[in-house]
Amino acid sequence: MKVYQYKSPIGRFLIKPQANGRWGLWFKDDLLGSYHSAMAAADDVYMQATGDYDWDSLDGVDIPTDISEWEVVAR
């Protein structure tokens, strides 16, 4: 399975498969959430609804609008 990366101005996001078949959204070293799809996790990053205050309140950032804009770092 793929692992996706987005290097934001304040830290790296990873979206990785979990053993339970879901997708984990990681920011720095913290697991922010578990999602039914990688796209759902990427959407929370885009909407700045991750639960991480520093990210969610950041203004003026060019954020990928779709998982296809994230870098694939593993297959």
PDB file of N, CA and C in Angstrom:
ATOM      1  N   MET A   1       0.838  -1.196   0.000  1.00  0.00           N
ATOM      2  CA  MET A   1       0.000   0.000   0.000  1.00  0.00           C
ATOM      3  C   MET A   1       0.877   1.252   0.000  1.00  0.00           C
ATOM      4  N   LYS A   2       0.304   2.310  -0.488  1.00  0.00           N
ATOM      5  CA  LYS A   2       1.042   3.559  -0.594  1.00  0.00           C
ATOM      6  C   LYS A   2       1.111   4.287   0.752  1.00  0.00           C
ATOM      7  N   VAL A   3       2.165   5.075   0.904  1.00  0.00           N
ATOM      8  CA  VAL A   3       2.307   6.031   1.998  1.00  0.00           C
ATOM      9  C   VAL A   3       2.446   7.396   1.349  1.00  0.00           C
ATOM     10  N   TYR A   4       1.646   8.351   1.811  1.00  0.00           N
ATOM     11  CA  TYR A   4       1.623   9.693   1.225  1.00  0.00           C
ATOM     12  C   TYR A   4       2.260  10.691   2.184  1.00  0.00           C
ATOM     13  N   GLN A   5       2.913  11.704   1.605  1.00  0.00           N
ATOM     14  CA  GLN A   5       3.588  12.730   2.386  1.00  0.00           C
ATOM     15  C   GLN A   5       3.254  14.113   1.844  1.00  0.00           C
ATOM     16  N   TYR A   6       3.040  15.039   2.775  1.00  0.00           N
ATOM     17  CA  TYR A   6       2.918  16.452   2.427  1.00  0.00           C
ATOM     18  C   TYR A   6       3.790  17.225   3.400  1.00  0.00           C
ATOM     19  N   LYS A   7       4.787  17.907   2.869  1.00  0.00           N
ATOM     20  CA  LYS A   7       5.684  18.713   3.700  1.00  0.00           C
ATOM     21  C   LYS A   7       5.107  20.123   3.805  1.00  0.00           C
ATOM     22  N   SER A   8       4.440  20.386   4.907  1.00  0.00           N
ATOM     23  CA  SER A   8       3.843  21.704   5.133  1.00  0.00           C
ATOM     24  C   SER A   8       4.908  22.648   5.677  1.00  0.00           C
ATOM     25  N   PRO A   9       4.619  23.941   5.713  1.00  0.00           N
ATOM     26  CA  PRO A   9       5.596  24.892   6.254  1.00  0.00           C
ATOM     27  C   PRO A   9       5.907  24.671   7.737  1.00  0.00           C
ATOM     28  N   ILE A  10       5.036  23.955   8.460  1.00  0.00           N
ATOM     29  CA  ILE A  10       5.282  23.775   9.896  1.00  0.00           C
ATOM     30  C   ILE A  10       5.535  22.313  10.286  1.00  0.00           C
ATOM     31  N   GLY A  11       5.613  21.422   9.330  1.00  0.00           N
ATOM     32  CA  GLY A  11       5.894  20.025   9.650  1.00  0.00           C
ATOM     33  C   GLY A  11       5.364  19.080   8.583  1.00  0.00           C
ATOM     34  N   ARG A  12       5.740  17.829   8.712  1.00  0.00           N
ATOM     35  CA  ARG A  12       5.393  16.823   7.709  1.00  0.00           C
ATOM     36  C   ARG A  12       4.151  16.030   8.112  1.00  0.00           C
ATOM     37  N   PHE A  13       3.226  15.919   7.167  1.00  0.00           N
ATOM     38  CA  PHE A  13       2.065  15.049   7.311  1.00  0.00           C
ATOM     39  C   PHE A  13       2.347  13.748   6.586  1.00  0.00           C
ATOM     40  N   LEU A  14       1.920  12.639   7.178  1.00  0.00           N
ATOM     41  CA  LEU A  14       1.967  11.338   6.527  1.00  0.00           C
ATOM     42  C   LEU A  14       0.582  10.715   6.598  1.00  0.00           C
ATOM     43  N   ILE A  15       0.207  10.043   5.546  1.00  0.00           N
ATOM     44  CA  ILE A  15      -0.998   9.226   5.534  1.00  0.00           C
ATOM     45  C   ILE A  15      -0.527   7.813   5.239  1.00  0.00           C
ATOM     46  N   LYS A  16      -0.730   6.920   6.230  1.00  0.00           N
ATOM     47  CA  LYS A  16      -0.209   5.561   6.130  1.00  0.00           C
ATOM     48  C   LYS A  16      -1.316   4.551   6.410  1.00  0.00           C
ATOM     49  N   PRO A  17      -1.241   3.383   5.743  1.00  0.00           N
ATOM     50  CA  PRO A  17      -2.210   2.327   6.044  1.00  0.00           C
ATOM     51  C   PRO A  17      -1.997   1.792   7.453  1.00  0.00           C
ATOM     52  N   GLN A  18      -3.103   1.413   8.088  1.00  0.00           N
ATOM     53  CA  GLN A  18      -3.054   0.824   9.418  1.00  0.00           C
ATOM     54  C   GLN A  18      -3.397  -0.658   9.324  1.00  0.00           C
ATOM     55  N   ALA A  19      -3.038  -1.416  10.328  1.00  0.00           N
ATOM     56  CA  ALA A  19      -3.270  -2.861  10.341  1.00  0.00           C
ATOM     57  C   ALA A  19      -4.755  -3.216  10.263  1.00  0.00           C
ATOM     58  N   ASN A  20      -5.625  -2.311  10.711  1.00  0.00           N
ATOM     59  CA  ASN A  20      -7.061  -2.587  10.722  1.00  0.00           C
ATOM     60  C   ASN A  20      -7.755  -2.239   9.401  1.00  0.00           C
ATOM     61  N   GLY A  21      -6.968  -1.895   8.374  1.00  0.00           N
ATOM     62  CA  GLY A  21      -7.536  -1.572   7.068  1.00  0.00           C
ATOM     63  C   GLY A  21      -7.892  -0.110   6.887  1.00  0.00           C
ATOM     64  N   ARG A  22      -7.709   0.691   7.911  1.00  0.00           N
ATOM     65  CA  ARG A  22      -7.986   2.125   7.827  1.00  0.00           C
ATOM     66  C   ARG A  22      -6.690   2.866   7.499  1.00  0.00           C
ATOM     67  N   TRP A  23      -6.778   4.182   7.405  1.00  0.00           N
ATOM     68  CA  TRP A  23      -5.628   5.038   7.090  1.00  0.00           C
ATOM     69  C   TRP A  23      -5.370   5.974   8.265  1.00  0.00           C
ATOM     70  N   GLY A  24      -4.111   6.047   8.692  1.00  0.00           N
ATOM     71  CA  GLY A  24      -3.724   6.946   9.778  1.00  0.00           C
ATOM     72  C   GLY A  24      -3.172   8.244   9.237  1.00  0.00           C
ATOM     73  N   LEU A  25      -3.583   9.346   9.855  1.00  0.00           N
ATOM     74  CA  LEU A  25      -3.037  10.666   9.522  1.00  0.00           C
ATOM     75  C   LEU A  25      -2.069  11.059  10.626  1.00  0.00           C
ATOM     76  N   TRP A  26      -0.810  11.202  10.264  1.00  0.00           N
ATOM     77  CA  TRP A  26       0.258  11.558  11.201  1.00  0.00           C
ATOM     78  C   TRP A  26       0.753  12.962  10.904  1.00  0.00           C
ATOM     79  N   PHE A  27       1.012  13.732  11.952  1.00  0.00           N
ATOM     80  CA  PHE A  27       1.628  15.056  11.824  1.00  0.00           C
ATOM     81  C   PHE A  27       2.766  15.104  12.820  1.00  0.00           C
ATOM     82  N   LYS A  28       3.963  15.330  12.297  1.00  0.00           N
ATOM     83  CA  LYS A  28       5.178  15.210  13.088  1.00  0.00           C
ATOM     84  C   LYS A  28       5.190  13.774  13.619  1.00  0.00           C
ATOM     85  N   ASP A  29       5.139  13.539  14.901  1.00  0.00           N
ATOM     86  CA  ASP A  29       5.129  12.164  15.421  1.00  0.00           C
ATOM     87  C   ASP A  29       3.797  11.793  16.058  1.00  0.00           C
ATOM     88  N   ASP A  30       2.749  12.555  15.782  1.00  0.00           N
ATOM     89  CA  ASP A  30       1.456  12.336  16.428  1.00  0.00           C
ATOM     90  C   ASP A  30       0.427  11.779  15.451  1.00  0.00           C
ATOM     91  N   LEU A  31      -0.275  10.746  15.880  1.00  0.00           N
ATOM     92  CA  LEU A  31      -1.392  10.224  15.111  1.00  0.00           C
ATOM     93  C   LEU A  31      -2.602  11.111  15.389  1.00  0.00           C
ATOM     94  N   LEU A  32      -3.084  11.790  14.345  1.00  0.00           N
ATOM     95  CA  LEU A  32      -4.200  12.718  14.508  1.00  0.00           C
ATOM     96  C   LEU A  32      -5.553  12.059  14.302  1.00  0.00           C
ATOM     97  N   GLY A  33      -5.591  10.987  13.518  1.00  0.00           N
ATOM     98  CA  GLY A  33      -6.871  10.351  13.274  1.00  0.00           C
ATOM     99  C   GLY A  33      -6.745   9.116  12.421  1.00  0.00           C
ATOM    100  N   SER A  34      -7.843   8.354  12.384  1.00  0.00           N
ATOM    101  CA  SER A  34      -7.946   7.135  11.605  1.00  0.00           C
ATOM    102  C   SER A  34      -9.127   7.302  10.653  1.00  0.00           C
ATOM    103  N   TYR A  35      -8.923   6.999   9.373  1.00  0.00           N
ATOM    104  CA  TYR A  35      -9.899   7.309   8.328  1.00  0.00           C
ATOM    105  C   TYR A  35     -10.208   6.085   7.475  1.00  0.00           C
ATOM    106  N   HIS A  36     -11.359   6.098   6.842  1.00  0.00           N
ATOM    107  CA  HIS A  36     -11.755   5.000   5.960  1.00  0.00           C
ATOM    108  C   HIS A  36     -11.010   5.026   4.630  1.00  0.00           C
ATOM    109  N   SER A  37     -10.416   6.182   4.281  1.00  0.00           N
ATOM    110  CA  SER A  37      -9.660   6.287   3.030  1.00  0.00           C
ATOM    111  C   SER A  37      -8.555   7.326   3.183  1.00  0.00           C
ATOM    112  N   ALA A  38      -7.541   7.206   2.329  1.00  0.00           N
ATOM    113  CA  ALA A  38      -6.464   8.197   2.308  1.00  0.00           C
ATOM    114  C   ALA A  38      -7.010   9.557   1.892  1.00  0.00           C
ATOM    115  N   MET A  39      -7.974   9.563   0.974  1.00  0.00           N
ATOM    116  CA  MET A  39      -8.567  10.816   0.516  1.00  0.00           C
ATOM    117  C   MET A  39      -9.267  11.545   1.658  1.00  0.00           C
ATOM    118  N   ALA A  40      -9.959  10.817   2.520  1.00  0.00           N
ATOM    119  CA  ALA A  40     -10.643  11.449   3.657  1.00  0.00           C
ATOM    120  C   ALA A  40      -9.633  12.115   4.591  1.00  0.00           C
ATOM    121  N   ALA A  41      -8.493  11.469   4.801  1.00  0.00           N
ATOM    122  CA  ALA A  41      -7.449  12.059   5.640  1.00  0.00           C
ATOM    123  C   ALA A  41      -6.877  13.315   4.984  1.00  0.00           C
ATOM    124  N   ALA A  42      -6.594  13.243   3.681  1.00  0.00           N
ATOM    125  CA  ALA A  42      -6.060  14.402   2.955  1.00  0.00           C
ATOM    126  C   ALA A  42      -7.062  15.554   2.960  1.00  0.00           C
ATOM    127  N   ASP A  43      -8.343  15.230   2.917  1.00  0.00           N
ATOM    128  CA  ASP A  43      -9.371  16.262   2.937  1.00  0.00           C
ATOM    129  C   ASP A  43      -9.371  17.015   4.261  1.00  0.00           C
ATOM    130  N   ASP A  44      -9.166  16.317   5.376  1.00  0.00           N
ATOM    131  CA  ASP A  44      -9.084  17.007   6.666  1.00  0.00           C
ATOM    132  C   ASP A  44      -7.879  17.943   6.723  1.00  0.00           C
ATOM    133  N   VAL A  45      -6.776  17.548   6.093  1.00  0.00           N
ATOM    134  CA  VAL A  45      -5.606  18.441   6.028  1.00  0.00           C
ATOM    135  C   VAL A  45      -5.968  19.677   5.211  1.00  0.00           C
ATOM    136  N   TYR A  46      -6.579  19.463   4.048  1.00  0.00           N
ATOM    137  CA  TYR A  46      -6.966  20.585   3.187  1.00  0.00           C
ATOM    138  C   TYR A  46      -7.952  21.524   3.883  1.00  0.00           C
ATOM    139  N   MET A  47      -8.921  20.954   4.577  1.00  0.00           N
ATOM    140  CA  MET A  47      -9.940  21.763   5.260  1.00  0.00           C
ATOM    141  C   MET A  47      -9.439  22.332   6.585  1.00  0.00           C
ATOM    142  N   GLN A  48      -8.211  21.981   6.958  1.00  0.00           N
ATOM    143  CA  GLN A  48      -7.612  22.387   8.226  1.00  0.00           C
ATOM    144  C   GLN A  48      -8.536  22.012   9.384  1.00  0.00           C
ATOM    145  N   ALA A  49      -8.917  20.740   9.379  1.00  0.00           N
ATOM    146  CA  ALA A  49      -9.794  20.168  10.407  1.00  0.00           C
ATOM    147  C   ALA A  49      -9.150  18.901  10.962  1.00  0.00           C
ATOM    148  N   THR A  50      -7.863  18.996  11.306  1.00  0.00           N
ATOM    149  CA  THR A  50      -7.110  17.825  11.751  1.00  0.00           C
ATOM    150  C   THR A  50      -7.136  17.623  13.259  1.00  0.00           C
ATOM    151  N   GLY A  51      -7.461  18.665  13.995  1.00  0.00           N
ATOM    152  CA  GLY A  51      -7.368  18.599  15.445  1.00  0.00           C
ATOM    153  C   GLY A  51      -6.050  19.150  15.971  1.00  0.00           C
ATOM    154  N   ASP A  52      -5.105  19.458  15.085  1.00  0.00           N
ATOM    155  CA  ASP A  52      -3.848  20.082  15.497  1.00  0.00           C
ATOM    156  C   ASP A  52      -4.022  21.598  15.398  1.00  0.00           C
ATOM    157  N   TYR A  53      -4.004  22.273  16.549  1.00  0.00           N
ATOM    158  CA  TYR A  53      -4.309  23.709  16.587  1.00  0.00           C
ATOM    159  C   TYR A  53      -3.378  24.523  15.689  1.00  0.00           C
ATOM    160  N   ASP A  54      -2.075  24.242  15.736  1.00  0.00           N
ATOM    161  CA  ASP A  54      -1.127  25.033  14.947  1.00  0.00           C
ATOM    162  C   ASP A  54      -1.441  24.952  13.456  1.00  0.00           C
ATOM    163  N   TRP A  55      -1.766  23.757  12.971  1.00  0.00           N
ATOM    164  CA  TRP A  55      -2.095  23.596  11.556  1.00  0.00           C
ATOM    165  C   TRP A  55      -3.469  24.182  11.246  1.00  0.00           C
ATOM    166  N   ASP A  56      -4.438  23.817  12.038  1.00  0.00           N
ATOM    167  CA  ASP A  56      -5.817  24.208  11.748  1.00  0.00           C
ATOM    168  C   ASP A  56      -6.030  25.720  11.780  1.00  0.00           C
ATOM    169  N   SER A  57      -5.186  26.445  12.507  1.00  0.00           N
ATOM    170  CA  SER A  57      -5.332  27.898  12.604  1.00  0.00           C
ATOM    171  C   SER A  57      -4.351  28.663  11.710  1.00  0.00           C
ATOM    172  N   LEU A  58      -3.547  27.962  10.938  1.00  0.00           N
ATOM    173  CA  LEU A  58      -2.543  28.592  10.071  1.00  0.00           C
ATOM    174  C   LEU A  58      -3.213  29.240   8.861  1.00  0.00           C
ATOM    175  N   ASP A  59      -2.834  30.469   8.565  1.00  0.00           N
ATOM    176  CA  ASP A  59      -3.393  31.204   7.422  1.00  0.00           C
ATOM    177  C   ASP A  59      -2.362  31.323   6.305  1.00  0.00           C
ATOM    178  N   GLY A  60      -2.876  31.474   5.079  1.00  0.00           N
ATOM    179  CA  GLY A  60      -2.033  31.793   3.941  1.00  0.00           C
ATOM    180  C   GLY A  60      -1.141  30.670   3.457  1.00  0.00           C
ATOM    181  N   VAL A  61      -1.612  29.425   3.570  1.00  0.00           N
ATOM    182  CA  VAL A  61      -0.810  28.275   3.156  1.00  0.00           C
ATOM    183  C   VAL A  61      -1.398  27.675   1.887  1.00  0.00           C
ATOM    184  N   ASP A  62      -0.533  27.318   0.954  1.00  0.00           N
ATOM    185  CA  ASP A  62      -0.957  26.632  -0.265  1.00  0.00           C
ATOM    186  C   ASP A  62      -1.029  25.141   0.053  1.00  0.00           C
ATOM    187  N   ILE A  63      -2.239  24.615   0.214  1.00  0.00           N
ATOM    188  CA  ILE A  63      -2.455  23.240   0.664  1.00  0.00           C
ATOM    189  C   ILE A  63      -2.918  22.390  -0.515  1.00  0.00           C
ATOM    190  N   PRO A  64      -2.385  21.173  -0.655  1.00  0.00           N
ATOM    191  CA  PRO A  64      -2.886  20.291  -1.712  1.00  0.00           C
ATOM    192  C   PRO A  64      -4.393  20.075  -1.574  1.00  0.00           C
ATOM    193  N   THR A  65      -5.101  20.181  -2.678  1.00  0.00           N
ATOM    194  CA  THR A  65      -6.554  20.043  -2.645  1.00  0.00           C
ATOM    195  C   THR A  65      -7.007  18.595  -2.776  1.00  0.00           C
ATOM    196  N   ASP A  66      -6.103  17.698  -3.141  1.00  0.00           N
ATOM    197  CA  ASP A  66      -6.466  16.315  -3.422  1.00  0.00           C
ATOM    198  C   ASP A  66      -5.278  15.407  -3.096  1.00  0.00           C
ATOM    199  N   ILE A  67      -5.548  14.164  -2.747  1.00  0.00           N
ATOM    200  CA  ILE A  67      -4.485  13.211  -2.419  1.00  0.00           C
ATOM    201  C   ILE A  67      -3.511  13.024  -3.593  1.00  0.00           C
ATOM    202  N   SER A  68      -3.972  13.256  -4.811  1.00  0.00           N
ATOM    203  CA  SER A  68      -3.087  13.102  -5.979  1.00  0.00           C
ATOM    204  C   SER A  68      -1.958  14.129  -5.973  1.00  0.00           C
ATOM    205  N   GLU A  69      -2.096  15.195  -5.195  1.00  0.00           N
ATOM    206  CA  GLU A  69      -1.054  16.218  -5.097  1.00  0.00           C
ATOM    207  C   GLU A  69      -0.047  15.930  -3.989  1.00  0.00           C
ATOM    208  N   TRP A  70      -0.283  14.885  -3.217  1.00  0.00           N
ATOM    209  CA  TRP A  70       0.659  14.472  -2.173  1.00  0.00           C
ATOM    210  C   TRP A  70       1.766  13.632  -2.801  1.00  0.00           C
ATOM    211  N   GLU A  71       2.937  13.634  -2.205  1.00  0.00           N
ATOM    212  CA  GLU A  71       4.063  12.828  -2.670  1.00  0.00           C
ATOM    213  C   GLU A  71       3.896  11.395  -2.163  1.00  0.00           C
ATOM    214  N   VAL A  72       4.073  10.433  -3.053  1.00  0.00           N
ATOM    215  CA  VAL A  72       4.070   9.019  -2.655  1.00  0.00           C
ATOM    216  C   VAL A  72       5.495   8.665  -2.238  1.00  0.00           C
ATOM    217  N   VAL A  73       5.672   8.252  -0.977  1.00  0.00           N
ATOM    218  CA  VAL A  73       7.008   7.978  -0.473  1.00  0.00           C
ATOM    219  C   VAL A  73       7.277   6.484  -0.293  1.00  0.00           C
ATOM    220  N   ALA A  74       6.255   5.650  -0.405  1.00  0.00           N
ATOM    221  CA  ALA A  74       6.424   4.194  -0.330  1.00  0.00           C
ATOM    222  C   ALA A  74       5.257   3.534  -1.048  1.00  0.00           C
ATOM    223  N   ARG A  75       5.489   2.334  -1.505  1.00  0.00           N
ATOM    224  CA  ARG A  75       4.427   1.553  -2.181  1.00  0.00           C
ATOM    225  C   ARG A  75       4.300   0.211  -1.529  1.00  0.00           C
TER     226      ARG A  75
END
